[in-house]
Protein backbone atom coordinates (compact mmCIF):
# COMPACT_ATOMS: atom_id res chain seq x y z
CA UNK A 1 119.80 80.15 54.37
CA UNK A 2 122.15 83.05 55.64
CA UNK A 3 125.30 83.18 54.32
CA UNK A 4 128.11 85.88 55.79
CA UNK A 5 129.27 88.62 52.99
CA UNK A 6 132.41 88.41 54.48
CA UNK A 7 135.02 85.70 55.68
CA UNK A 8 136.75 85.98 58.81
CA UNK A 9 140.31 84.38 57.72
CA UNK A 10 143.41 83.76 59.70
CA UNK A 11 146.00 86.56 59.73
CA UNK A 12 149.46 85.25 58.70
CA UNK A 13 152.66 87.46 59.61
CA UNK A 14 155.90 86.82 60.94
CA UNK A 15 157.13 88.31 64.13
CA UNK A 16 160.63 89.32 65.08
CA UNK A 17 162.77 90.84 67.70
CA UNK A 18 164.78 93.74 67.40
CA UNK A 19 167.55 95.67 69.37
CA UNK A 20 167.98 98.26 66.54
CA UNK A 21 165.03 100.49 66.41
CA UNK A 22 163.61 101.98 69.90
CA UNK A 23 159.83 103.25 70.05
CA UNK A 24 158.18 104.95 72.28
CA UNK A 25 154.75 106.17 73.44
CA UNK A 26 154.84 109.48 71.66
CA UNK A 27 151.85 111.17 72.90
CA UNK A 28 152.77 110.36 76.40
CA UNK A 29 156.35 112.29 75.90
CA UNK A 30 154.05 115.43 75.15
CA UNK A 31 152.69 114.90 78.80
CA UNK A 32 156.10 115.15 80.17
CA UNK A 33 157.05 118.02 78.40
CA UNK A 34 153.90 120.08 79.69
CA UNK A 35 154.88 119.17 83.26
CA UNK A 36 158.49 120.42 83.07
CA UNK A 37 157.43 123.92 81.15
CA UNK A 38 154.52 124.29 83.80
CA UNK A 39 156.91 123.94 86.57
CA UNK A 40 155.22 120.70 88.11
CA UNK A 41 158.78 119.45 88.56
CA UNK A 42 160.39 122.53 89.87
CA UNK A 43 157.34 122.66 92.21
CA UNK A 44 157.66 119.04 93.17
CA UNK A 45 161.53 119.58 94.17
CA UNK A 46 160.66 122.69 96.19
CA UNK A 47 157.59 120.76 98.32
CA UNK A 48 158.74 117.66 99.07
CA UNK A 49 161.55 116.24 101.34
CA UNK A 50 164.76 115.32 99.18
CA UNK A 51 166.06 111.70 99.66
CA UNK A 52 168.26 110.68 102.82
CA UNK A 53 171.42 110.33 101.28
CA UNK A 54 173.17 110.90 97.99
CA UNK A 55 172.08 107.91 96.02
CA UNK A 56 168.40 107.77 97.06
CA UNK A 57 165.54 108.19 94.53
CA UNK A 58 164.60 111.95 94.34
CA UNK A 59 160.77 113.11 95.12
CA UNK A 60 160.39 113.90 91.32
CA UNK A 61 161.75 110.03 90.04
CA UNK A 62 159.03 109.24 91.95
CA UNK A 63 156.07 111.30 91.14
CA UNK A 64 156.69 111.85 87.35
CA UNK A 65 156.79 108.47 86.48
CA UNK A 66 153.88 107.47 88.45
CA UNK A 67 151.65 110.12 87.14
CA UNK A 68 152.89 109.22 83.08
CA UNK A 69 151.95 105.95 84.30
CA UNK A 70 148.47 106.79 85.34
CA UNK A 71 147.92 109.18 82.56
CA UNK A 72 149.05 106.22 80.03
CA UNK A 73 146.70 103.77 81.35
CA UNK A 74 148.42 101.80 84.41
CA UNK A 75 146.03 100.79 87.40
CA UNK A 76 148.61 99.67 89.60
CA UNK A 77 152.06 100.30 90.90
CA UNK A 78 153.29 97.23 89.24
CA UNK A 79 152.38 98.86 85.94
CA UNK A 80 155.83 101.11 86.23
CA UNK A 81 157.61 98.33 84.88
CA UNK A 82 155.93 99.24 81.24
CA UNK A 83 157.67 102.55 81.53
CA UNK A 84 161.06 101.11 82.17
CA UNK A 85 160.49 98.57 79.37
CA UNK A 86 160.03 101.61 76.64
CA UNK A 87 163.11 102.29 76.53
CA UNK A 88 162.15 105.38 74.03
CA UNK A 89 159.78 106.92 76.46
CA UNK A 90 162.49 106.68 79.26
CA UNK A 91 164.92 108.54 76.81
CA UNK A 92 162.21 111.15 75.79
CA UNK A 93 161.03 111.85 79.76
CA UNK A 94 164.72 111.97 80.70
CA UNK A 95 164.08 109.36 82.90
CA UNK A 96 167.54 107.83 83.82
CA UNK A 97 166.29 105.51 86.30
CA UNK A 98 162.91 104.44 87.63
CA UNK A 99 162.07 102.76 91.28
CA UNK A 100 160.20 99.82 91.68
CA UNK A 101 157.05 99.22 92.74
CA UNK A 102 158.26 98.19 96.26
CA UNK A 103 160.53 101.44 96.63
CA UNK A 104 157.36 103.60 95.48
CA UNK A 105 155.30 101.87 98.30
CA UNK A 106 157.68 102.52 100.87
CA UNK A 107 158.03 106.37 99.57
CA UNK A 108 154.31 106.57 100.14
CA UNK A 109 154.56 105.77 103.45
CA UNK A 110 156.94 108.46 104.61
CA UNK A 111 155.68 111.51 106.21
CA UNK A 112 155.08 115.09 105.10
CA UNK A 113 154.82 113.74 101.61
CA UNK A 114 150.70 114.07 101.85
CA UNK A 115 151.03 118.05 102.72
CA UNK A 116 153.95 118.22 99.70
CA UNK A 117 151.64 116.74 97.20
CA UNK A 118 148.85 119.42 98.20
CA UNK A 119 150.94 122.35 97.83
CA UNK A 120 151.89 120.72 94.01
CA UNK A 121 148.65 119.84 93.07
CA UNK A 122 147.52 123.81 94.45
CA UNK A 123 150.44 125.14 92.16
CA UNK A 124 149.72 123.11 89.22
CA UNK A 125 145.71 124.33 89.55
CA UNK A 126 147.23 127.58 89.34
CA UNK A 127 148.79 127.52 86.01
CA UNK A 128 145.21 126.64 84.56
CA UNK A 129 143.59 129.39 86.67
CA UNK A 130 145.51 132.00 85.77
CA UNK A 131 146.01 131.55 82.07
CA UNK A 132 141.51 131.19 81.78
CA UNK A 133 140.39 134.41 80.46
CA UNK A 134 137.04 133.58 83.05
CA UNK A 135 137.13 135.66 86.12
CA UNK A 136 134.01 133.88 87.80
CA UNK A 137 134.31 130.46 88.67
CA UNK A 138 131.82 127.77 90.49
CA UNK A 139 132.74 125.22 93.03
CA UNK A 140 131.42 121.62 92.47
CA UNK A 141 132.31 119.54 95.94
CA UNK A 142 131.17 116.21 96.07
CA UNK A 143 132.47 113.01 98.05
CA UNK A 144 132.97 109.42 96.67
CA UNK A 145 133.38 106.28 97.86
CA UNK A 146 136.59 103.98 97.14
CA UNK A 147 135.51 100.10 98.02
CA UNK A 148 138.38 98.26 98.95
CA UNK A 149 138.92 94.83 100.96
CA UNK A 150 141.96 96.57 102.96
CA UNK A 151 141.63 95.76 106.93
CA UNK A 152 142.54 99.59 107.81
CA UNK A 153 139.45 100.89 105.99
CA UNK A 154 136.02 101.33 108.14
CA UNK A 155 132.62 100.10 107.21
CA UNK A 156 130.28 102.43 105.70
CA UNK A 157 126.72 102.76 105.84
CA UNK A 158 126.65 100.85 102.80
CA UNK A 159 127.97 97.57 104.68
CA UNK A 160 130.77 97.40 102.75
CA UNK A 161 134.86 98.93 103.66
CA UNK A 162 135.51 101.60 101.88
CA UNK A 163 137.97 105.14 101.94
CA UNK A 164 136.11 108.00 100.99
CA UNK A 165 137.54 111.28 98.97
CA UNK A 166 135.91 114.66 99.23
CA UNK A 167 136.68 116.51 95.78
CA UNK A 168 135.69 119.94 94.52
CA UNK A 169 135.98 120.91 91.30
CA UNK A 170 136.05 124.05 89.21
CA UNK A 171 133.29 123.65 86.88
CA UNK A 172 134.31 126.13 83.93
CA UNK A 173 137.60 124.38 83.83
CA UNK A 174 137.03 120.89 84.93
CA UNK A 175 140.04 121.19 87.14
CA UNK A 176 140.06 119.46 90.69
CA UNK A 177 141.25 122.29 93.22
CA UNK A 178 140.94 120.68 96.86
CA UNK A 179 140.85 116.81 97.81
CA UNK A 180 140.66 115.02 101.40
CA UNK A 181 141.16 111.88 101.69
CA UNK A 182 139.43 109.88 104.49
CA UNK A 183 137.57 107.01 106.24
CA UNK A 184 134.18 106.00 104.39
CA UNK A 185 132.73 106.25 107.77
CA UNK A 186 133.25 109.91 107.95
CA UNK A 187 130.07 112.21 107.02
CA UNK A 188 130.10 113.52 103.95
CA UNK A 189 129.37 117.02 105.06
CA UNK A 190 132.50 117.11 107.00
CA UNK A 191 135.00 119.26 105.45
CA UNK A 192 133.10 121.06 103.23
CA UNK A 193 133.40 124.62 104.53
CA UNK A 194 137.21 123.73 104.90
CA UNK A 195 137.30 123.37 101.14
CA UNK A 196 135.19 126.07 100.50
CA UNK A 197 137.80 128.79 102.21
CA UNK A 198 140.86 127.30 100.48
CA UNK A 199 139.31 127.55 96.89
CA UNK A 200 138.12 130.84 97.72
CA UNK A 201 141.62 131.74 98.86
CA UNK A 202 143.13 129.89 95.82
CA UNK A 203 141.14 132.02 93.26
CA UNK A 204 141.62 135.07 95.12
CA UNK A 205 145.59 134.74 94.80
CA UNK A 206 145.06 134.29 91.37
CA UNK A 207 143.26 137.42 90.87
CA UNK A 208 140.02 135.44 90.29
CA UNK A 209 136.73 135.42 92.15
CA UNK A 210 134.79 132.69 93.29
CA UNK A 211 131.22 133.22 92.57
CA UNK A 212 129.11 130.10 93.14
CA UNK A 213 128.80 127.20 95.29
CA UNK A 214 126.86 124.04 94.35
CA UNK A 215 126.70 120.94 96.36
CA UNK A 216 124.34 118.15 97.40
CA UNK A 217 122.64 117.68 100.77
CA UNK A 218 125.99 117.14 102.29
CA UNK A 219 126.83 120.96 102.34
CA UNK A 220 123.34 122.06 103.65
CA UNK A 221 124.47 123.18 107.01
CA UNK A 222 124.50 126.54 108.84
CA UNK A 223 128.25 126.89 108.77
CA UNK A 224 128.37 126.43 104.87
CA UNK A 225 125.88 128.86 104.26
CA UNK A 226 127.06 131.43 106.76
CA UNK A 227 130.63 131.16 105.28
CA UNK A 228 128.82 131.53 101.97
CA UNK A 229 127.10 134.48 102.86
CA UNK A 230 130.52 135.97 104.35
CA UNK A 231 132.32 135.52 101.27
CA UNK A 232 129.98 136.77 99.08
CA UNK A 233 129.45 133.34 97.45
CA UNK A 234 125.94 132.22 95.63
CA UNK A 235 125.00 129.08 96.44
CA UNK A 236 122.72 126.43 95.35
CA UNK A 237 122.19 123.17 97.80
CA UNK A 238 120.07 120.27 98.23
CA UNK A 239 118.12 120.58 101.36
CA UNK A 240 117.50 117.99 103.26
CA UNK A 241 113.73 117.09 104.19
CA UNK A 242 113.82 117.31 107.80
CA UNK A 243 110.82 117.72 109.47
CA UNK A 244 111.41 121.87 109.10
CA UNK A 245 111.07 122.03 105.18
CA UNK A 246 109.02 118.82 105.51
CA UNK A 247 106.15 121.04 107.20
CA UNK A 248 107.10 123.86 104.44
CA UNK A 249 106.24 121.27 101.54
CA UNK A 250 102.78 120.44 103.00
CA UNK A 251 102.30 124.31 103.48
CA UNK A 252 102.78 124.57 99.99
CA UNK A 253 101.06 121.40 98.75
CA UNK A 254 97.64 122.91 100.07
CA UNK A 255 98.13 126.63 99.26
CA UNK A 256 98.63 125.34 95.55
CA UNK A 257 99.82 127.63 92.79
CA UNK A 258 102.68 125.76 91.68
CA UNK A 259 104.18 126.86 88.64
CA UNK A 260 104.87 124.56 85.65
CA UNK A 261 109.43 123.85 84.98
CA UNK A 262 110.13 124.02 81.03
CA UNK A 263 113.54 123.08 79.74
CA UNK A 264 115.65 125.90 78.68
CA UNK A 265 114.51 125.19 75.07
CA UNK A 266 111.13 125.68 75.85
CA UNK A 267 109.78 122.04 76.15
CA UNK A 268 107.81 121.18 79.27
CA UNK A 269 108.63 118.70 82.01
CA UNK A 270 106.63 116.48 84.24
CA UNK A 271 107.82 119.26 87.08
CA UNK A 272 106.27 122.03 88.94
CA UNK A 273 107.89 124.16 91.65
CA UNK A 274 106.87 126.87 94.41
CA UNK A 275 109.55 129.00 96.56
CA UNK A 276 109.36 129.81 100.23
CA UNK A 277 111.39 131.57 102.48
CA UNK A 278 113.31 129.58 105.67
CA UNK A 279 116.00 130.02 108.02
CA UNK A 280 117.74 127.24 109.95
CA UNK A 281 118.55 127.29 113.64
CA UNK A 282 122.08 128.91 113.66
CA UNK A 283 122.22 130.56 110.20
CA UNK A 284 122.74 134.41 110.31
CA UNK A 285 119.80 135.47 106.76
CA UNK A 286 117.10 133.73 105.85
CA UNK A 287 117.48 131.93 102.67
CA UNK A 288 115.15 130.55 99.87
CA UNK A 289 113.61 126.99 99.18
CA UNK A 290 112.84 126.20 96.01
CA UNK A 291 110.63 123.21 95.98
CA UNK A 292 109.98 120.86 93.07
CA UNK A 293 107.64 118.11 92.82
CA UNK A 294 106.28 115.48 89.98
CA UNK A 295 103.75 112.65 90.30
CA UNK A 296 104.76 109.54 92.50
CA UNK A 297 105.68 106.74 89.65
CA UNK A 298 105.09 104.17 92.05
CA UNK A 299 103.26 104.69 95.42
CA UNK A 300 103.44 101.92 97.58
CA UNK A 301 103.40 101.05 101.39
CA UNK A 302 106.27 103.20 102.41
CA UNK A 303 106.38 105.98 100.22
CA UNK A 304 102.17 106.56 99.82
CA UNK A 305 102.59 110.07 99.18
CA UNK A 306 101.26 111.18 95.54
CA UNK A 307 104.27 113.23 94.87
CA UNK A 308 107.67 113.30 94.71
CA UNK A 309 109.81 116.33 96.25
CA UNK A 310 113.57 117.77 95.16
CA UNK A 311 114.34 120.81 97.45
CA UNK A 312 116.85 123.59 96.73
CA UNK A 313 118.63 125.89 99.17
CA UNK A 314 119.59 129.18 97.65
CA UNK A 315 120.31 132.96 97.98
CA UNK A 316 120.45 133.28 94.56
CA UNK A 317 118.27 136.06 92.66
CA UNK A 318 117.39 134.94 89.85
CA UNK A 319 114.48 133.39 88.36
CA UNK A 320 113.60 130.27 90.16
CA UNK A 321 113.46 127.90 87.21
CA UNK A 322 117.20 129.51 85.95
CA UNK A 323 118.24 128.71 89.27
CA UNK A 324 117.01 124.84 88.91
CA UNK A 325 118.94 124.16 85.89
CA UNK A 326 122.07 126.07 87.04
CA UNK A 327 121.92 123.66 90.14
CA UNK A 328 121.29 120.60 88.16
CA UNK A 329 124.60 121.13 86.66
CA UNK A 330 126.48 119.88 89.15
CA UNK A 331 125.73 116.54 87.89
CA UNK A 332 129.14 117.02 86.34
CA UNK A 333 130.89 116.43 89.45
CA UNK A 334 129.78 112.85 89.34
CA UNK A 335 131.48 112.75 85.60
CA UNK A 336 134.91 114.18 87.13
CA UNK A 337 134.54 111.46 90.24
CA UNK A 338 133.94 108.84 87.24
CA UNK A 339 137.12 110.12 85.32
CA UNK A 340 139.17 110.00 88.36
CA UNK A 341 137.88 106.89 89.45
CA UNK A 342 137.78 104.68 86.09
CA UNK A 343 139.76 106.68 83.88
CA UNK A 344 143.35 106.94 86.25
CA UNK A 345 142.55 104.02 88.13
CA UNK A 346 141.98 105.99 91.68
CA UNK A 347 139.06 103.66 92.62
CA UNK A 348 142.26 101.42 93.53
CA UNK A 349 143.70 101.39 96.89
CA UNK A 350 147.34 100.10 96.66
CA UNK A 351 148.73 100.03 100.57
CA UNK A 352 147.36 99.06 103.53
CA UNK A 353 147.89 102.41 105.19
CA UNK A 354 144.88 105.28 104.88
CA UNK A 355 148.18 107.95 104.79
CA UNK A 356 149.94 106.38 101.99
CA UNK A 357 146.43 105.36 100.07
CA UNK A 358 145.83 109.53 100.48
CA UNK A 359 149.49 109.93 98.71
CA UNK A 360 148.68 107.89 95.88
CA UNK A 361 145.57 109.44 95.30
CA UNK A 362 147.20 113.05 95.58
CA UNK A 363 149.49 111.52 92.36
CA UNK A 364 146.07 110.26 90.59
CA UNK A 365 144.75 114.49 91.19
CA UNK A 366 148.04 115.44 90.10
CA UNK A 367 147.62 113.26 86.82
CA UNK A 368 143.99 114.20 86.41
CA UNK A 369 145.23 118.22 86.73
CA UNK A 370 147.93 117.61 83.95
CA UNK A 371 145.60 116.16 81.78
CA UNK A 372 143.60 119.26 81.90
CA UNK A 373 146.20 121.49 81.39
CA UNK A 374 146.77 119.89 78.39
CA UNK A 375 143.34 119.66 77.09
CA UNK A 376 143.23 123.03 77.50
CA UNK A 377 146.24 124.93 77.37
CA UNK A 378 147.73 122.76 74.13
CA UNK A 379 145.18 121.19 72.18
CA UNK A 380 141.78 123.33 72.74
CA UNK A 381 138.79 122.82 70.51
CA UNK A 382 136.87 119.40 70.72
CA UNK A 383 139.56 118.00 72.58
CA UNK A 384 138.62 119.94 75.85
CA UNK A 385 135.65 117.68 76.34
CA UNK A 386 137.34 114.39 75.39
CA UNK A 387 138.05 111.92 78.70
CA UNK A 388 141.33 110.16 79.40
CA UNK A 389 140.29 107.03 77.73
CA UNK A 390 139.96 109.30 74.08
CA UNK A 391 142.97 110.79 74.92
CA UNK A 392 144.98 107.69 74.90
CA UNK A 393 143.07 106.23 71.62
CA UNK A 394 143.66 109.21 69.54
CA UNK A 395 147.65 110.51 70.99
CA UNK A 396 148.89 109.18 74.55
CA UNK A 397 149.48 105.72 72.76
CA UNK A 398 150.74 106.88 69.36
CA UNK A 399 154.00 105.30 68.42
CA UNK A 400 156.91 107.06 67.81
CA UNK A 401 160.45 106.20 66.85
CA UNK A 402 163.48 107.82 68.58
CA UNK A 403 166.65 108.20 66.84
CA UNK A 404 170.10 110.30 68.16
CA UNK A 405 171.52 112.27 65.02
CA UNK A 406 173.94 115.04 65.17
CA UNK A 407 174.16 115.20 69.05
CA UNK A 408 170.31 115.70 68.63
CA UNK A 409 167.14 113.38 70.01
CA UNK A 410 164.95 113.21 67.58
CA UNK A 411 161.16 111.60 67.91
CA UNK A 412 160.02 110.30 64.54
CA UNK A 413 156.04 110.07 64.22
CA UNK A 414 154.21 109.09 61.21
CA UNK A 415 153.24 111.95 58.89
CA UNK A 416 148.99 111.90 59.96
CA UNK A 417 150.22 112.71 63.19
CA UNK A 418 153.06 115.32 62.45
CA UNK A 419 150.47 118.49 62.65
CA UNK A 420 149.25 117.67 65.65
CA UNK A 421 152.62 116.88 67.57
CA UNK A 422 154.10 120.00 65.87
CA UNK A 423 150.70 121.92 67.22
CA UNK A 424 151.12 120.90 70.85
CA UNK A 425 155.00 121.95 70.92
CA UNK A 426 154.32 124.90 69.16
CA UNK A 427 151.82 125.58 72.30
CA UNK A 428 154.34 124.49 74.51
CA UNK A 429 156.71 126.92 73.46
CA UNK A 430 154.11 130.03 73.53
CA UNK A 431 153.05 129.24 77.13
CA UNK A 432 154.85 132.15 79.81
CA UNK A 433 156.63 131.23 82.23
CA UNK A 434 155.22 129.38 85.44
CA UNK A 435 153.98 131.27 88.44
């Protein structure tokens, strides 16, 4: 008969309320300090309209607590109450007062806030970009759906109501540099050219260069390809298998000469590839199609072909197998979307207004980018690849004791965490003044 080695016993402890000790989410206070040092608070003041009266909440009194809430794990606007209850965190962050969920909802609906927050997000992204030692960057663009039951959302081709966000990221920094929040019924490719131009201007203003664009089939348009050629951007875009591309594939199948695709470590895959020249009706220059094929694992009535195909349109002059593995790296864009939606709660649309939800999403992007700044500029090392969930477990939710002594506010943390907090604050002191 099986007998457990360890038996679970009932824990016996006493619980008592006290007003003498003020505790705080100590790690979250570092995020607020980073926002101050990087100039985010100042940017909010400059780019968002002030309140209509002297007693009204200032824009930073709405935005920064929401950013702290989302970084700390809040999922809905009602979770702002947790910061109100955390008196130690309020003292560390300098939150003298906090708006309620209803007041936040009304503020999100006001005009001019969306464009102002876009400028704040651009400013925040610039603080990370200018401090990078890299000069050439890769832009990954992808659209993601946010399902909702709100009546203001349109029906999508998936048969559900949803909003859609078109997002562009700098792959080398994991940074979100462009966002367009819109109805889920909007074609995914709409707005790609606009974001391409915006990211190019942003990097150029930082003294950097947009070298590569990676996109799924949403970017397979003549406008995007022509713009890349005009800007000198190397593109790799998943091509639609329309009638023209299908004819090219059929011709390649008949001619033979397929080349085996090997992994970067030298191991063979089940894929083979060939290249062909192609030109769309409105493109100014011809480009290369890299066609991959592999055996169809389950041929059926609707897909009787012996092979499956994947096509990449590119003007990249590197070897085809290197272009394939480079293009496959755009899969990280899915991870960025997942981090934004699941990690920062952006899969939630709080308002019954598209514009208000767009403002809320921009605050989520600001929270995401602030986290990127903390990881890359303050923590470094293995912290860079950690998700927000890991950061909450290892840093943000660490408890500290807040005391006042000698007219100073002192945060006491456990000895095992003291060196981590000290390192972050030393790095904050070394950061140059925001540009």
